[in-house]
Amino acid sequence: MSRALLKFVRLSPTKGRLIASEIQGLNAEKALASLQFMPNKAARVIYKVLASAVANSGFDASKAVVTSARVDKAAALRRFTPRARGRATPIRKPTSHILVEVEKEGDK
C-alpha cells in the first residue's frame, strides 16, 4: 500500500468529501479518468494527489485500486470584512488535508 498526502490546500472539506467518496474503491485508472472530466476544483486537486499516490506505489495505474480517499478539516484562515457602524464580520476560508491510499489489485 502506498499513499499521498496534501496538507493545507485551500479547499472546503465538505466539497472535497463529495468528490473523494466518488473514487473510493475504484480502479485507479478509472478514477483518474473520471476526475479529469469533473468540473470541480476539488476534482483537480484530488486528481493530482491520486496521481502522486500511484507514482509512489511504483506499479501501473491499471493494476491499482483506491482503498481510501479522505478529506480532513485543517485550520481555517480568518479574515474580516468591514460592515456598517464601524463593525466587522468574520470570513472563514477553510483549508483541508487530503489523503489518498492506493493498493495493488488483489492484495488485502
PDB file of N, CA and C in Angstrom:
ATOM      1  N   MET A   1       0.846  -1.186   0.000  1.00  0.00           N
ATOM      2  CA  MET A   1       0.000   0.000   0.000  1.00  0.00           C
ATOM      3  C   MET A   1       0.886   1.243   0.000  1.00  0.00           C
ATOM      4  N   SER A   2       0.493   2.197  -0.791  1.00  0.00           N
ATOM      5  CA  SER A   2       1.206   3.471  -0.775  1.00  0.00           C
ATOM      6  C   SER A   2       0.185   4.591  -0.666  1.00  0.00           C
ATOM      7  N   ARG A   3       0.671   5.757  -0.280  1.00  0.00           N
ATOM      8  CA  ARG A   3      -0.250   6.864  -0.062  1.00  0.00           C
ATOM      9  C   ARG A   3       0.393   8.180  -0.428  1.00  0.00           C
ATOM     10  N   ALA A   4      -0.468   9.190  -0.590  1.00  0.00           N
ATOM     11  CA  ALA A   4      -0.020  10.553  -0.839  1.00  0.00           C
ATOM     12  C   ALA A   4      -0.872  11.480   0.023  1.00  0.00           C
ATOM     13  N   LEU A   5      -0.238  12.496   0.576  1.00  0.00           N
ATOM     14  CA  LEU A   5      -0.914  13.416   1.482  1.00  0.00           C
ATOM     15  C   LEU A   5      -0.622  14.845   1.053  1.00  0.00           C
ATOM     16  N   LEU A   6      -1.673  15.622   0.903  1.00  0.00           N
ATOM     17  CA  LEU A   6      -1.547  17.039   0.589  1.00  0.00           C
ATOM     18  C   LEU A   6      -2.152  17.808   1.752  1.00  0.00           C
ATOM     19  N   LYS A   7      -1.372  18.693   2.355  1.00  0.00           N
ATOM     20  CA  LYS A   7      -1.829  19.399   3.549  1.00  0.00           C
ATOM     21  C   LYS A   7      -2.073  20.873   3.257  1.00  0.00           C
ATOM     22  N   PHE A   8      -3.040  21.427   3.956  1.00  0.00           N
ATOM     23  CA  PHE A   8      -3.396  22.842   3.931  1.00  0.00           C
ATOM     24  C   PHE A   8      -3.720  23.360   2.533  1.00  0.00           C
ATOM     25  N   VAL A   9      -4.493  22.581   1.779  1.00  0.00           N
ATOM     26  CA  VAL A   9      -4.939  23.037   0.463  1.00  0.00           C
ATOM     27  C   VAL A   9      -6.179  23.909   0.672  1.00  0.00           C
ATOM     28  N   ARG A  10      -6.295  25.001  -0.076  1.00  0.00           N
ATOM     29  CA  ARG A  10      -7.384  25.957   0.077  1.00  0.00           C
ATOM     30  C   ARG A  10      -8.647  25.405  -0.582  1.00  0.00           C
ATOM     31  N   LEU A  11      -9.301  24.488   0.118  1.00  0.00           N
ATOM     32  CA  LEU A  11     -10.476  23.807  -0.390  1.00  0.00           C
ATOM     33  C   LEU A  11     -11.370  23.455   0.788  1.00  0.00           C
ATOM     34  N   SER A  12     -12.653  23.635   0.630  1.00  0.00           N
ATOM     35  CA  SER A  12     -13.587  23.294   1.693  1.00  0.00           C
ATOM     36  C   SER A  12     -13.655  21.772   1.857  1.00  0.00           C
ATOM     37  N   PRO A  13     -13.539  21.256   3.080  1.00  0.00           N
ATOM     38  CA  PRO A  13     -13.599  19.813   3.284  1.00  0.00           C
ATOM     39  C   PRO A  13     -14.929  19.209   2.848  1.00  0.00           C
ATOM     40  N   THR A  14     -16.011  19.948   3.006  1.00  0.00           N
ATOM     41  CA  THR A  14     -17.326  19.450   2.614  1.00  0.00           C
ATOM     42  C   THR A  14     -17.384  19.199   1.109  1.00  0.00           C
ATOM     43  N   LYS A  15     -16.857  20.116   0.332  1.00  0.00           N
ATOM     44  CA  LYS A  15     -16.865  19.975  -1.121  1.00  0.00           C
ATOM     45  C   LYS A  15     -15.882  18.897  -1.575  1.00  0.00           C
ATOM     46  N   GLY A  16     -14.766  18.770  -0.863  1.00  0.00           N
ATOM     47  CA  GLY A  16     -13.789  17.753  -1.207  1.00  0.00           C
ATOM     48  C   GLY A  16     -14.288  16.346  -0.923  1.00  0.00           C
ATOM     49  N   ARG A  17     -15.046  16.180   0.161  1.00  0.00           N
ATOM     50  CA  ARG A  17     -15.550  14.849   0.526  1.00  0.00           C
ATOM     51  C   ARG A  17     -16.537  14.309  -0.496  1.00  0.00           C
ATOM     52  N   LEU A  18     -17.288  15.194  -1.155  1.00  0.00           N
ATOM     53  CA  LEU A  18     -18.212  14.753  -2.194  1.00  0.00           C
ATOM     54  C   LEU A  18     -17.473  14.064  -3.328  1.00  0.00           C
ATOM     55  N   ILE A  19     -16.333  14.605  -3.704  1.00  0.00           N
ATOM     56  CA  ILE A  19     -15.543  14.037  -4.800  1.00  0.00           C
ATOM     57  C   ILE A  19     -14.779  12.806  -4.327  1.00  0.00           C
ATOM     58  N   ALA A  20     -14.237  12.848  -3.112  1.00  0.00           N
ATOM     59  CA  ALA A  20     -13.448  11.727  -2.589  1.00  0.00           C
ATOM     60  C   ALA A  20     -14.292  10.462  -2.456  1.00  0.00           C
ATOM     61  N   SER A  21     -15.554  10.611  -2.083  1.00  0.00           N
ATOM     62  CA  SER A  21     -16.419   9.438  -1.939  1.00  0.00           C
ATOM     63  C   SER A  21     -16.727   8.789  -3.287  1.00  0.00           C
ATOM     64  N   GLU A  22     -16.654   9.567  -4.369  1.00  0.00           N
ATOM     65  CA  GLU A  22     -16.916   9.037  -5.705  1.00  0.00           C
ATOM     66  C   GLU A  22     -15.825   8.074  -6.176  1.00  0.00           C
ATOM     67  N   ILE A  23     -14.577   8.309  -5.782  1.00  0.00           N
ATOM     68  CA  ILE A  23     -13.470   7.493  -6.309  1.00  0.00           C
ATOM     69  C   ILE A  23     -13.060   6.359  -5.388  1.00  0.00           C
ATOM     70  N   GLN A  24     -13.591   6.320  -4.185  1.00  0.00           N
ATOM     71  CA  GLN A  24     -13.191   5.302  -3.218  1.00  0.00           C
ATOM     72  C   GLN A  24     -13.620   3.917  -3.714  1.00  0.00           C
ATOM     73  N   GLY A  25     -12.663   2.987  -3.743  1.00  0.00           N
ATOM     74  CA  GLY A  25     -12.942   1.628  -4.173  1.00  0.00           C
ATOM     75  C   GLY A  25     -12.814   1.402  -5.669  1.00  0.00           C
ATOM     76  N   LEU A  26     -12.590   2.465  -6.443  1.00  0.00           N
ATOM     77  CA  LEU A  26     -12.459   2.333  -7.899  1.00  0.00           C
ATOM     78  C   LEU A  26     -11.047   1.932  -8.296  1.00  0.00           C
ATOM     79  N   ASN A  27     -10.929   1.403  -9.503  1.00  0.00           N
ATOM     80  CA  ASN A  27      -9.630   1.187 -10.123  1.00  0.00           C
ATOM     81  C   ASN A  27      -8.988   2.564 -10.301  1.00  0.00           C
ATOM     82  N   ALA A  28      -7.697   2.676 -10.056  1.00  0.00           N
ATOM     83  CA  ALA A  28      -7.027   3.982 -10.094  1.00  0.00           C
ATOM     84  C   ALA A  28      -7.088   4.615 -11.476  1.00  0.00           C
ATOM     85  N   GLU A  29      -6.998   3.800 -12.512  1.00  0.00           N
ATOM     86  CA  GLU A  29      -7.043   4.339 -13.874  1.00  0.00           C
ATOM     87  C   GLU A  29      -8.423   4.929 -14.178  1.00  0.00           C
ATOM     88  N   LYS A  30      -9.481   4.243 -13.756  1.00  0.00           N
ATOM     89  CA  LYS A  30     -10.843   4.750 -13.969  1.00  0.00           C
ATOM     90  C   LYS A  30     -11.103   5.976 -13.104  1.00  0.00           C
ATOM     91  N   ALA A  31     -10.561   5.985 -11.897  1.00  0.00           N
ATOM     92  CA  ALA A  31     -10.736   7.132 -11.008  1.00  0.00           C
ATOM     93  C   ALA A  31     -10.051   8.370 -11.587  1.00  0.00           C
ATOM     94  N   LEU A  32      -8.846   8.197 -12.123  1.00  0.00           N
ATOM     95  CA  LEU A  32      -8.141   9.329 -12.738  1.00  0.00           C
ATOM     96  C   LEU A  32      -8.908   9.855 -13.944  1.00  0.00           C
ATOM     97  N   ALA A  33      -9.465   8.943 -14.746  1.00  0.00           N
ATOM     98  CA  ALA A  33     -10.217   9.351 -15.932  1.00  0.00           C
ATOM     99  C   ALA A  33     -11.485  10.110 -15.549  1.00  0.00           C
ATOM    100  N   SER A  34     -12.172   9.650 -14.513  1.00  0.00           N
ATOM    101  CA  SER A  34     -13.405  10.338 -14.116  1.00  0.00           C
ATOM    102  C   SER A  34     -13.107  11.690 -13.471  1.00  0.00           C
ATOM    103  N   LEU A  35     -12.027  11.779 -12.688  1.00  0.00           N
ATOM    104  CA  LEU A  35     -11.656  13.054 -12.061  1.00  0.00           C
ATOM    105  C   LEU A  35     -11.243  14.097 -13.091  1.00  0.00           C
ATOM    106  N   GLN A  36     -10.647  13.627 -14.175  1.00  0.00           N
ATOM    107  CA  GLN A  36     -10.137  14.539 -15.193  1.00  0.00           C
ATOM    108  C   GLN A  36     -11.261  15.347 -15.849  1.00  0.00           C
ATOM    109  N   PHE A  37     -12.468  14.763 -15.909  1.00  0.00           N
ATOM    110  CA  PHE A  37     -13.565  15.430 -16.605  1.00  0.00           C
ATOM    111  C   PHE A  37     -14.623  16.001 -15.669  1.00  0.00           C
ATOM    112  N   MET A  38     -14.354  16.009 -14.371  1.00  0.00           N
ATOM    113  CA  MET A  38     -15.261  16.659 -13.435  1.00  0.00           C
ATOM    114  C   MET A  38     -14.948  18.158 -13.400  1.00  0.00           C
ATOM    115  N   PRO A  39     -15.975  19.014 -13.327  1.00  0.00           N
ATOM    116  CA  PRO A  39     -15.740  20.458 -13.408  1.00  0.00           C
ATOM    117  C   PRO A  39     -15.347  21.122 -12.082  1.00  0.00           C
ATOM    118  N   ASN A  40     -15.185  20.360 -11.003  1.00  0.00           N
ATOM    119  CA  ASN A  40     -14.954  20.946  -9.683  1.00  0.00           C
ATOM    120  C   ASN A  40     -13.478  21.218  -9.424  1.00  0.00           C
ATOM    121  N   LYS A  41     -13.215  22.195  -8.582  1.00  0.00           N
ATOM    122  CA  LYS A  41     -11.846  22.474  -8.139  1.00  0.00           C
ATOM    123  C   LYS A  41     -11.315  21.300  -7.339  1.00  0.00           C
ATOM    124  N   ALA A  42     -12.178  20.693  -6.524  1.00  0.00           N
ATOM    125  CA  ALA A  42     -11.776  19.562  -5.697  1.00  0.00           C
ATOM    126  C   ALA A  42     -11.314  18.390  -6.557  1.00  0.00           C
ATOM    127  N   ALA A  43     -11.941  18.191  -7.690  1.00  0.00           N
ATOM    128  CA  ALA A  43     -11.566  17.094  -8.584  1.00  0.00           C
ATOM    129  C   ALA A  43     -10.156  17.295  -9.129  1.00  0.00           C
ATOM    130  N   ARG A  44      -9.807  18.529  -9.464  1.00  0.00           N
ATOM    131  CA  ARG A  44      -8.457  18.803  -9.978  1.00  0.00           C
ATOM    132  C   ARG A  44      -7.402  18.531  -8.909  1.00  0.00           C
ATOM    133  N   VAL A  45      -7.689  18.928  -7.676  1.00  0.00           N
ATOM    134  CA  VAL A  45      -6.729  18.742  -6.590  1.00  0.00           C
ATOM    135  C   VAL A  45      -6.582  17.257  -6.248  1.00  0.00           C
ATOM    136  N   ILE A  46      -7.695  16.539  -6.131  1.00  0.00           N
ATOM    137  CA  ILE A  46      -7.664  15.121  -5.783  1.00  0.00           C
ATOM    138  C   ILE A  46      -7.033  14.309  -6.913  1.00  0.00           C
ATOM    139  N   TYR A  47      -7.202  14.739  -8.159  1.00  0.00           N
ATOM    140  CA  TYR A  47      -6.547  14.085  -9.297  1.00  0.00           C
ATOM    141  C   TYR A  47      -5.033  14.077  -9.118  1.00  0.00           C
ATOM    142  N   LYS A  48      -4.487  15.220  -8.726  1.00  0.00           N
ATOM    143  CA  LYS A  48      -3.037  15.323  -8.541  1.00  0.00           C
ATOM    144  C   LYS A  48      -2.552  14.459  -7.382  1.00  0.00           C
ATOM    145  N   VAL A  49      -3.333  14.410  -6.301  1.00  0.00           N
ATOM    146  CA  VAL A  49      -2.944  13.600  -5.143  1.00  0.00           C
ATOM    147  C   VAL A  49      -3.010  12.120  -5.498  1.00  0.00           C
ATOM    148  N   LEU A  50      -4.043  11.713  -6.234  1.00  0.00           N
ATOM    149  CA  LEU A  50      -4.171  10.316  -6.652  1.00  0.00           C
ATOM    150  C   LEU A  50      -3.049   9.925  -7.606  1.00  0.00           C
ATOM    151  N   ALA A  51      -2.702  10.803  -8.533  1.00  0.00           N
ATOM    152  CA  ALA A  51      -1.600  10.532  -9.455  1.00  0.00           C
ATOM    153  C   ALA A  51      -0.285  10.378  -8.689  1.00  0.00           C
ATOM    154  N   SER A  52      -0.103  11.169  -7.651  1.00  0.00           N
ATOM    155  CA  SER A  52       1.088  11.068  -6.820  1.00  0.00           C
ATOM    156  C   SER A  52       1.118   9.755  -6.052  1.00  0.00           C
ATOM    157  N   ALA A  53      -0.026   9.314  -5.538  1.00  0.00           N
ATOM    158  CA  ALA A  53      -0.095   8.049  -4.801  1.00  0.00           C
ATOM    159  C   ALA A  53       0.226   6.868  -5.715  1.00  0.00           C
ATOM    160  N   VAL A  54      -0.261   6.916  -6.950  1.00  0.00           N
ATOM    161  CA  VAL A  54       0.033   5.849  -7.916  1.00  0.00           C
ATOM    162  C   VAL A  54       1.519   5.853  -8.257  1.00  0.00           C
ATOM    163  N   ALA A  55       2.100   7.036  -8.431  1.00  0.00           N
ATOM    164  CA  ALA A  55       3.535   7.138  -8.724  1.00  0.00           C
ATOM    165  C   ALA A  55       4.370   6.649  -7.544  1.00  0.00           C
ATOM    166  N   ASN A  56       3.925   6.926  -6.318  1.00  0.00           N
ATOM    167  CA  ASN A  56       4.646   6.464  -5.136  1.00  0.00           C
ATOM    168  C   ASN A  56       4.616   4.943  -5.006  1.00  0.00           C
ATOM    169  N   SER A  57       3.536   4.335  -5.490  1.00  0.00           N
ATOM    170  CA  SER A  57       3.392   2.888  -5.344  1.00  0.00           C
ATOM    171  C   SER A  57       4.350   2.135  -6.253  1.00  0.00           C
ATOM    172  N   GLY A  58       4.654   2.690  -7.412  1.00  0.00           N
ATOM    173  CA  GLY A  58       5.599   2.048  -8.311  1.00  0.00           C
ATOM    174  C   GLY A  58       4.960   1.116  -9.321  1.00  0.00           C
ATOM    175  N   PHE A  59       3.679   0.794  -9.195  1.00  0.00           N
ATOM    176  CA  PHE A  59       3.060  -0.057 -10.202  1.00  0.00           C
ATOM    177  C   PHE A  59       2.064   0.727 -11.051  1.00  0.00           C
ATOM    178  N   ASP A  60       1.604   0.105 -12.125  1.00  0.00           N
ATOM    179  CA  ASP A  60       0.777   0.771 -13.120  1.00  0.00           C
ATOM    180  C   ASP A  60      -0.595   1.134 -12.558  1.00  0.00           C
ATOM    181  N   ALA A  61      -1.186   2.203 -13.083  1.00  0.00           N
ATOM    182  CA  ALA A  61      -2.488   2.667 -12.597  1.00  0.00           C
ATOM    183  C   ALA A  61      -3.599   1.666 -12.890  1.00  0.00           C
ATOM    184  N   SER A  62      -3.437   0.869 -13.952  1.00  0.00           N
ATOM    185  CA  SER A  62      -4.475  -0.110 -14.289  1.00  0.00           C
ATOM    186  C   SER A  62      -4.509  -1.273 -13.303  1.00  0.00           C
ATOM    187  N   LYS A  63      -3.431  -1.468 -12.536  1.00  0.00           N
ATOM    188  CA  LYS A  63      -3.368  -2.560 -11.569  1.00  0.00           C
ATOM    189  C   LYS A  63      -3.529  -2.077 -10.123  1.00  0.00           C
ATOM    190  N   ALA A  64      -3.927  -0.819  -9.946  1.00  0.00           N
ATOM    191  CA  ALA A  64      -4.063  -0.239  -8.614  1.00  0.00           C
ATOM    192  C   ALA A  64      -5.529   0.049  -8.296  1.00  0.00           C
ATOM    193  N   VAL A  65      -5.847  -0.017  -7.010  1.00  0.00           N
ATOM    194  CA  VAL A  65      -7.202   0.269  -6.526  1.00  0.00           C
ATOM    195  C   VAL A  65      -7.106   1.337  -5.439  1.00  0.00           C
ATOM    196  N   VAL A  66      -8.028   2.295  -5.470  1.00  0.00           N
ATOM    197  CA  VAL A  66      -8.079   3.333  -4.447  1.00  0.00           C
ATOM    198  C   VAL A  66      -8.757   2.733  -3.217  1.00  0.00           C
ATOM    199  N   THR A  67      -7.978   2.464  -2.169  1.00  0.00           N
ATOM    200  CA  THR A  67      -8.550   1.866  -0.967  1.00  0.00           C
ATOM    201  C   THR A  67      -9.158   2.921  -0.048  1.00  0.00           C
ATOM    202  N   SER A  68      -8.555   4.102  -0.009  1.00  0.00           N
ATOM    203  CA  SER A  68      -9.058   5.147   0.871  1.00  0.00           C
ATOM    204  C   SER A  68      -8.792   6.511   0.253  1.00  0.00           C
ATOM    205  N   ALA A  69      -9.806   7.354   0.273  1.00  0.00           N
ATOM    206  CA  ALA A  69      -9.675   8.754  -0.146  1.00  0.00           C
ATOM    207  C   ALA A  69     -10.352   9.581   0.932  1.00  0.00           C
ATOM    208  N   ARG A  70      -9.553  10.338   1.667  1.00  0.00           N
ATOM    209  CA  ARG A  70     -10.053  11.052   2.837  1.00  0.00           C
ATOM    210  C   ARG A  70      -9.768  12.540   2.712  1.00  0.00           C
ATOM    211  N   VAL A  71     -10.738  13.361   3.089  1.00  0.00           N
ATOM    212  CA  VAL A  71     -10.554  14.811   3.118  1.00  0.00           C
ATOM    213  C   VAL A  71     -10.866  15.266   4.539  1.00  0.00           C
ATOM    214  N   ASP A  72      -9.841  15.719   5.249  1.00  0.00           N
ATOM    215  CA  ASP A  72      -9.986  16.129   6.639  1.00  0.00           C
ATOM    216  C   ASP A  72      -9.926  17.646   6.755  1.00  0.00           C
ATOM    217  N   LYS A  73     -10.534  18.149   7.802  1.00  0.00           N
ATOM    218  CA  LYS A  73     -10.553  19.589   8.054  1.00  0.00           C
ATOM    219  C   LYS A  73      -9.201  20.050   8.598  1.00  0.00           C
ATOM    220  N   ALA A  74      -8.727  21.173   8.087  1.00  0.00           N
ATOM    221  CA  ALA A  74      -7.492  21.787   8.581  1.00  0.00           C
ATOM    222  C   ALA A  74      -7.853  23.159   9.161  1.00  0.00           C
ATOM    223  N   ALA A  75      -6.859  23.896   9.563  1.00  0.00           N
ATOM    224  CA  ALA A  75      -7.093  25.230  10.141  1.00  0.00           C
ATOM    225  C   ALA A  75      -7.699  26.157   9.095  1.00  0.00           C
ATOM    226  N   ALA A  76      -8.651  26.974   9.520  1.00  0.00           N
ATOM    227  CA  ALA A  76      -9.295  27.917   8.607  1.00  0.00           C
ATOM    228  C   ALA A  76      -8.579  29.265   8.680  1.00  0.00           C
ATOM    229  N   LEU A  77      -8.425  29.907   7.539  1.00  0.00           N
ATOM    230  CA  LEU A  77      -7.874  31.258   7.506  1.00  0.00           C
ATOM    231  C   LEU A  77      -8.960  32.214   7.976  1.00  0.00           C
ATOM    232  N   ARG A  78      -8.647  33.067   8.913  1.00  0.00           N
ATOM    233  CA  ARG A  78      -9.628  34.009   9.461  1.00  0.00           C
ATOM    234  C   ARG A  78      -9.394  35.382   8.850  1.00  0.00           C
ATOM    235  N   ARG A  79     -10.409  35.922   8.214  1.00  0.00           N
ATOM    236  CA  ARG A  79     -10.349  37.260   7.637  1.00  0.00           C
ATOM    237  C   ARG A  79     -11.548  38.046   8.146  1.00  0.00           C
ATOM    238  N   PHE A  80     -11.510  39.348   8.009  1.00  0.00           N
ATOM    239  CA  PHE A  80     -12.617  40.190   8.453  1.00  0.00           C
ATOM    240  C   PHE A  80     -13.002  41.157   7.350  1.00  0.00           C
ATOM    241  N   THR A  81     -14.290  41.423   7.259  1.00  0.00           N
ATOM    242  CA  THR A  81     -14.783  42.394   6.290  1.00  0.00           C
ATOM    243  C   THR A  81     -15.500  43.515   7.040  1.00  0.00           C
ATOM    244  N   PRO A  82     -15.307  44.757   6.621  1.00  0.00           N
ATOM    245  CA  PRO A  82     -15.956  45.872   7.316  1.00  0.00           C
ATOM    246  C   PRO A  82     -17.460  45.889   7.057  1.00  0.00           C
ATOM    247  N   ARG A  83     -18.207  46.294   8.077  1.00  0.00           N
ATOM    248  CA  ARG A  83     -19.656  46.399   7.986  1.00  0.00           C
ATOM    249  C   ARG A  83     -20.088  47.781   8.467  1.00  0.00           C
ATOM    250  N   ALA A  84     -21.366  47.994   8.549  1.00  0.00           N
ATOM    251  CA  ALA A  84     -21.908  49.297   8.932  1.00  0.00           C
ATOM    252  C   ALA A  84     -21.577  49.621  10.386  1.00  0.00           C
ATOM    253  N   ARG A  85     -21.517  50.910  10.691  1.00  0.00           N
ATOM    254  CA  ARG A  85     -21.294  51.447  12.037  1.00  0.00           C
ATOM    255  C   ARG A  85     -19.952  51.025  12.633  1.00  0.00           C
ATOM    256  N   GLY A  86     -18.947  50.831  11.795  1.00  0.00           N
ATOM    257  CA  GLY A  86     -17.608  50.529  12.297  1.00  0.00           C
ATOM    258  C   GLY A  86     -17.409  49.111  12.770  1.00  0.00           C
ATOM    259  N   ARG A  87     -18.355  48.249  12.486  1.00  0.00           N
ATOM    260  CA  ARG A  87     -18.215  46.855  12.909  1.00  0.00           C
ATOM    261  C   ARG A  87     -17.489  46.044  11.845  1.00  0.00           C
ATOM    262  N   ALA A  88     -17.173  44.801  12.202  1.00  0.00           N
ATOM    263  CA  ALA A  88     -16.552  43.877  11.249  1.00  0.00           C
ATOM    264  C   ALA A  88     -17.159  42.493  11.463  1.00  0.00           C
ATOM    265  N   THR A  89     -17.296  41.737  10.378  1.00  0.00           N
ATOM    266  CA  THR A  89     -17.772  40.362  10.497  1.00  0.00           C
ATOM    267  C   THR A  89     -16.699  39.419   9.980  1.00  0.00           C
ATOM    268  N   PRO A  90     -16.574  38.256  10.615  1.00  0.00           N
ATOM    269  CA  PRO A  90     -15.517  37.321  10.206  1.00  0.00           C
ATOM    270  C   PRO A  90     -15.853  36.595   8.915  1.00  0.00           C
ATOM    271  N   ILE A  91     -14.825  36.277   8.178  1.00  0.00           N
ATOM    272  CA  ILE A  91     -14.912  35.422   6.998  1.00  0.00           C
ATOM    273  C   ILE A  91     -13.979  34.248   7.257  1.00  0.00           C
ATOM    274  N   ARG A  92     -14.496  33.033   7.158  1.00  0.00           N
ATOM    275  CA  ARG A  92     -13.673  31.834   7.339  1.00  0.00           C
ATOM    276  C   ARG A  92     -13.335  31.270   5.972  1.00  0.00           C
ATOM    277  N   LYS A  93     -12.065  31.092   5.708  1.00  0.00           N
ATOM    278  CA  LYS A  93     -11.624  30.478   4.458  1.00  0.00           C
ATOM    279  C   LYS A  93     -11.060  29.108   4.806  1.00  0.00           C
ATOM    280  N   PRO A  94     -11.849  28.038   4.634  1.00  0.00           N
ATOM    281  CA  PRO A  94     -11.447  26.720   5.106  1.00  0.00           C
ATOM    282  C   PRO A  94     -10.324  26.101   4.280  1.00  0.00           C
ATOM    283  N   THR A  95      -9.503  25.283   4.941  1.00  0.00           N
ATOM    284  CA  THR A  95      -8.455  24.515   4.281  1.00  0.00           C
ATOM    285  C   THR A  95      -8.637  23.038   4.634  1.00  0.00           C
ATOM    286  N   SER A  96      -7.983  22.169   3.870  1.00  0.00           N
ATOM    287  CA  SER A  96      -8.174  20.730   4.026  1.00  0.00           C
ATOM    288  C   SER A  96      -6.853  19.987   3.941  1.00  0.00           C
ATOM    289  N   HIS A  97      -6.864  18.771   4.498  1.00  0.00           N
ATOM    290  CA  HIS A  97      -5.798  17.796   4.299  1.00  0.00           C
ATOM    291  C   HIS A  97      -6.409  16.666   3.472  1.00  0.00           C
ATOM    292  N   ILE A  98      -5.747  16.285   2.369  1.00  0.00           N
ATOM    293  CA  ILE A  98      -6.262  15.228   1.503  1.00  0.00           C
ATOM    294  C   ILE A  98      -5.302  14.048   1.548  1.00  0.00           C
ATOM    295  N   LEU A  99      -5.833  12.868   1.872  1.00  0.00           N
ATOM    296  CA  LEU A  99      -5.054  11.637   1.948  1.00  0.00           C
ATOM    297  C   LEU A  99      -5.660  10.616   0.999  1.00  0.00           C
ATOM    298  N   VAL A 100      -4.843  10.069   0.088  1.00  0.00           N
ATOM    299  CA  VAL A 100      -5.290   9.032  -0.839  1.00  0.00           C
ATOM    300  C   VAL A 100      -4.367   7.829  -0.674  1.00  0.00           C
ATOM    301  N   GLU A 101      -4.965   6.655  -0.450  1.00  0.00           N
ATOM    302  CA  GLU A 101      -4.208   5.412  -0.317  1.00  0.00           C
ATOM    303  C   GLU A 101      -4.541   4.495  -1.487  1.00  0.00           C
ATOM    304  N   VAL A 102      -3.498   3.903  -2.061  1.00  0.00           N
ATOM    305  CA  VAL A 102      -3.630   3.028  -3.220  1.00  0.00           C
ATOM    306  C   VAL A 102      -2.999   1.683  -2.890  1.00  0.00           C
ATOM    307  N   GLU A 103      -3.647   0.617  -3.349  1.00  0.00           N
ATOM    308  CA  GLU A 103      -3.145  -0.735  -3.108  1.00  0.00           C
ATOM    309  C   GLU A 103      -3.178  -1.511  -4.417  1.00  0.00           C
ATOM    310  N   LYS A 104      -2.295  -2.489  -4.542  1.00  0.00           N
ATOM    311  CA  LYS A 104      -2.274  -3.325  -5.728  1.00  0.00           C
ATOM    312  C   LYS A 104      -3.538  -4.166  -5.768  1.00  0.00           C
ATOM    313  N   GLU A 105      -4.110  -4.328  -6.972  1.00  0.00           N
ATOM    314  CA  GLU A 105      -5.348  -5.077  -7.124  1.00  0.00           C
ATOM    315  C   GLU A 105      -5.153  -6.533  -6.707  1.00  0.00           C
ATOM    316  N   GLY A 106      -6.013  -7.001  -5.828  1.00  0.00           N
ATOM    317  CA  GLY A 106      -5.915  -8.379  -5.347  1.00  0.00           C
ATOM    318  C   GLY A 106      -5.247  -8.504  -3.989  1.00  0.00           C
ATOM    319  N   ASP A 107      -4.497  -7.514  -3.548  1.00  0.00           N
ATOM    320  CA  ASP A 107      -3.855  -7.550  -2.230  1.00  0.00           C
ATOM    321  C   ASP A 107      -4.843  -7.113  -1.161  1.00  0.00           C
ATOM    322  N   LYS A 108      -4.853  -7.799  -0.047  1.00  0.00           N
ATOM    323  CA  LYS A 108      -5.653  -7.388   1.110  1.00  0.00           C
ATOM    324  C   LYS A 108      -5.290  -8.189   2.308  1.00  0.00           C
TER     325      LYS A 108
END
